[in-house]
Amino acid sequence: MVLTPSVMTPLGSALPAFTLPEPLTGTQHPHTSLLGPQATVVIFMCNHCPFVVHLLDALLATARTYLPRGVAFIGISANDPHSYPDDAPEAMAQLAQSADFPFPYLYDASQSVARAFGAACTPDFFVYDSQQTLVYRGRFDASRPGQPTPVDGADLTTALESLLSDRPIPSPQLPSMGCNIKWLPQ
């Protein structure tokens, strides 16, 4: 594992267009069918990363809290499944089913979507407003595996509460830290 920070894509960037499969259902999802009326949270994640495993339960709880408030969540894995079989589509489907994901967990086989977003690590969070404009990118919270800081989703939930209340999202926005995306050989 290589500890990698978010790239911190410029605020105001447009949500990249994509269509990706959901291994659990076999459905192809165009991004336009997944957007929330108030906001959309895109999370680059994977099954094996200890940083994702560390916050997964809290992330799922956060999604369940905000989905009824018009915030959509989209999980995307872009890892190379040949080098990391725990991140293969079949394993993604198993995790989504066993953890009862309340949002689609999509597979980016070509990694073109991860590149379009500027994703660098897992987890990597991107929040778009109702106009599909990037208003937050960075970390879930200050917690890290093996440290005593509680997993509370404070950074993400502060951004969402600010957005839903028409208040400015606080600065600075801090990068997420996690495993680097496992890029395909070039």
Protein backbone atom coordinates (compact mmCIF):
# COMPACT_ATOMS: atom_id res chain seq x y z
CA MET A 1 0.00 0.00 0.00
CA VAL A 2 1.24 3.45 -0.91
CA LEU A 3 -0.27 6.24 1.22
CA THR A 4 -1.65 8.69 -1.32
CA PRO A 5 -3.53 11.99 -0.88
CA SER A 6 -6.39 13.29 -3.00
CA VAL A 7 -5.37 15.41 -5.99
CA MET A 8 -7.93 18.05 -4.93
CA THR A 9 -9.66 18.62 -8.26
CA PRO A 10 -10.54 22.33 -8.67
CA LEU A 11 -13.81 23.40 -7.09
CA GLY A 12 -16.36 24.42 -9.71
CA SER A 13 -15.43 21.52 -12.01
CA ALA A 14 -18.33 19.81 -13.76
CA LEU A 15 -19.31 16.25 -12.92
CA PRO A 16 -17.75 14.05 -15.61
CA ALA A 17 -20.19 12.05 -17.74
CA PHE A 18 -20.00 8.26 -17.46
CA THR A 19 -21.86 5.00 -17.85
CA LEU A 20 -20.63 2.12 -15.69
CA PRO A 21 -21.83 -1.35 -14.76
CA GLU A 22 -23.01 -2.35 -11.31
CA PRO A 23 -21.62 -5.85 -10.67
CA LEU A 24 -24.34 -6.67 -8.11
CA THR A 25 -27.22 -6.20 -10.58
CA GLY A 26 -25.49 -6.35 -13.96
CA THR A 27 -27.13 -3.00 -14.79
CA GLN A 28 -25.35 -0.31 -16.80
CA HIS A 29 -25.88 3.05 -15.08
CA PRO A 30 -25.47 6.36 -16.91
CA HIS A 31 -24.49 9.03 -14.39
CA THR A 32 -27.64 11.00 -15.21
CA SER A 33 -29.79 8.20 -13.73
CA LEU A 34 -27.94 8.35 -10.39
CA LEU A 35 -27.94 12.06 -9.54
CA GLY A 36 -29.59 13.35 -6.37
CA PRO A 37 -31.95 16.33 -6.54
CA GLN A 38 -29.92 18.18 -3.88
CA ALA A 39 -26.41 16.75 -4.21
CA THR A 40 -24.42 13.77 -5.41
CA VAL A 41 -21.51 12.18 -3.55
CA VAL A 42 -19.10 10.12 -5.66
CA ILE A 43 -16.73 7.88 -3.72
CA PHE A 44 -13.78 6.12 -5.30
CA MET A 45 -13.36 3.07 -3.13
CA CYS A 46 -12.47 -0.59 -3.23
CA ASN A 47 -12.91 -3.74 -1.17
CA HIS A 48 -9.39 -4.35 0.12
CA CYS A 49 -8.07 -0.91 1.10
CA PRO A 50 -7.66 -0.67 4.90
CA PHE A 51 -8.67 3.02 4.75
CA VAL A 52 -11.99 2.13 3.10
CA VAL A 53 -12.56 -0.85 5.42
CA HIS A 54 -11.89 1.48 8.38
CA LEU A 55 -14.72 3.87 7.52
CA LEU A 56 -17.12 1.68 5.53
CA ASP A 57 -19.75 1.22 8.26
CA ALA A 58 -19.81 4.96 8.98
CA LEU A 59 -19.98 5.74 5.26
CA LEU A 60 -22.96 3.44 4.79
CA ALA A 61 -24.68 5.02 7.81
CA THR A 62 -23.98 8.51 6.40
CA ALA A 63 -25.49 7.52 3.06
CA ARG A 64 -28.59 6.13 4.79
CA THR A 65 -28.96 9.44 6.66
CA TYR A 66 -28.63 11.68 3.60
CA LEU A 67 -30.38 9.65 0.89
CA PRO A 68 -33.84 10.67 2.18
CA ARG A 69 -32.68 14.30 2.09
CA GLY A 70 -32.06 14.20 -1.67
CA VAL A 71 -28.36 13.35 -1.63
CA ALA A 72 -27.33 10.49 -3.93
CA PHE A 73 -24.24 8.38 -3.26
CA ILE A 74 -22.28 6.50 -5.93
CA GLY A 75 -19.42 4.14 -5.14
CA ILE A 76 -16.88 3.43 -7.90
CA SER A 77 -14.00 0.97 -7.90
CA ALA A 78 -11.31 1.42 -10.54
CA ASN A 79 -8.65 -0.95 -9.21
CA ASP A 80 -6.89 -3.47 -11.43
CA PRO A 81 -8.60 -6.78 -10.52
CA HIS A 82 -5.82 -8.91 -11.98
CA SER A 83 -3.30 -7.58 -9.49
CA TYR A 84 -5.92 -7.17 -6.72
CA PRO A 85 -8.51 -9.96 -7.04
CA ASP A 86 -10.28 -8.80 -3.85
CA ASP A 87 -11.39 -5.81 -5.94
CA ALA A 88 -12.76 -7.84 -8.87
CA PRO A 89 -16.39 -7.21 -9.89
CA GLU A 90 -17.56 -10.49 -8.31
CA ALA A 91 -16.03 -9.48 -4.97
CA MET A 92 -17.58 -6.01 -5.29
CA ALA A 93 -21.01 -7.58 -5.75
CA GLN A 94 -20.48 -9.80 -2.70
CA LEU A 95 -19.48 -6.84 -0.52
CA ALA A 96 -22.35 -4.67 -1.75
CA GLN A 97 -24.80 -7.46 -0.95
CA SER A 98 -23.35 -8.54 2.41
CA ALA A 99 -22.97 -4.95 3.68
CA ASP A 100 -26.36 -3.96 2.21
CA PHE A 101 -25.03 -0.96 0.30
CA PRO A 102 -27.79 1.68 -0.01
CA PHE A 103 -26.14 3.02 -3.17
CA PRO A 104 -24.78 1.54 -6.40
CA TYR A 105 -21.20 0.26 -6.35
CA LEU A 106 -19.94 0.59 -9.93
CA TYR A 107 -16.93 -0.85 -11.71
CA ASP A 108 -14.62 1.32 -13.86
CA ALA A 109 -12.76 -1.39 -15.82
CA SER A 110 -10.98 1.06 -18.15
CA GLN A 111 -10.16 3.48 -15.31
CA SER A 112 -11.22 6.31 -17.61
CA VAL A 113 -13.83 7.55 -15.14
CA ALA A 114 -11.32 7.68 -12.28
CA ARG A 115 -8.98 9.67 -14.51
CA ALA A 116 -11.79 12.04 -15.56
CA PHE A 117 -12.56 12.79 -11.91
CA GLY A 118 -8.91 13.14 -10.95
CA ALA A 119 -9.27 10.37 -8.39
CA ALA A 120 -5.99 9.29 -6.83
CA CYS A 121 -6.75 7.21 -3.76
CA THR A 122 -9.28 5.08 -1.98
CA PRO A 123 -11.32 6.51 -0.48
CA ASP A 124 -11.59 9.72 -2.50
CA PHE A 125 -14.75 11.83 -2.06
CA PHE A 126 -16.33 14.28 -4.52
CA VAL A 127 -19.53 16.23 -3.74
CA TYR A 128 -21.52 17.90 -6.51
CA ASP A 129 -24.42 20.30 -6.03
CA SER A 130 -27.76 20.08 -7.86
CA GLN A 131 -26.15 21.70 -10.91
CA GLN A 132 -23.46 18.95 -10.99
CA THR A 133 -20.74 21.41 -9.95
CA LEU A 134 -17.97 20.25 -7.61
CA VAL A 135 -18.37 21.92 -4.22
CA TYR A 136 -16.35 19.57 -2.00
CA ARG A 137 -13.51 17.09 -2.48
CA GLY A 138 -11.34 15.48 0.09
CA ARG A 139 -11.62 13.41 3.22
CA PHE A 140 -14.46 11.73 5.09
CA ASP A 141 -13.02 12.72 8.47
CA ALA A 142 -9.76 12.92 10.42
CA SER A 143 -9.72 9.25 11.42
CA ARG A 144 -7.15 6.76 10.12
CA PRO A 145 -6.76 3.01 10.66
CA GLY A 146 -4.90 2.22 13.88
CA GLN A 147 -5.43 5.68 15.38
CA PRO A 148 -7.81 6.57 18.23
CA THR A 149 -9.63 9.37 16.35
CA PRO A 150 -13.29 8.33 16.03
CA VAL A 151 -14.80 7.61 12.62
CA ASP A 152 -17.53 10.25 12.48
CA GLY A 153 -17.64 11.51 8.88
CA ALA A 154 -17.32 15.07 10.17
CA ASP A 155 -15.72 16.60 7.07
CA LEU A 156 -18.19 15.10 4.62
CA THR A 157 -21.26 15.73 6.78
CA THR A 158 -20.22 19.34 7.42
CA ALA A 159 -19.96 19.85 3.66
CA LEU A 160 -23.36 18.23 3.07
CA GLU A 161 -25.08 20.16 5.88
CA SER A 162 -23.62 23.42 4.56
CA LEU A 163 -24.75 22.64 1.01
CA LEU A 164 -28.25 21.61 2.08
CA SER A 165 -28.57 24.78 4.20
CA ASP A 166 -27.32 27.10 1.42
CA ARG A 167 -24.28 28.06 3.49
CA PRO A 168 -20.70 28.20 2.22
CA ILE A 169 -18.78 24.98 2.69
CA PRO A 170 -16.01 25.63 5.22
CA SER A 171 -12.40 25.91 4.13
CA PRO A 172 -9.86 24.56 4.03
CA GLN A 173 -10.99 21.31 2.46
CA LEU A 174 -8.44 18.68 3.40
CA PRO A 175 -7.36 15.86 1.10
CA SER A 176 -8.38 12.31 1.71
CA MET A 177 -5.55 9.89 2.42
CA GLY A 178 -5.60 6.26 1.46
CA CYS A 179 -4.27 3.58 -0.81
CA ASN A 180 -3.32 4.67 -4.29
CA ILE A 181 -5.66 3.53 -7.06
CA LYS A 182 -4.21 0.36 -8.54
CA TRP A 183 -3.71 1.53 -12.12
CA LEU A 184 -3.57 -0.91 -15.02
CA PRO A 185 -0.14 -1.40 -16.57
CA GLN A 186 0.48 1.11 -19.34
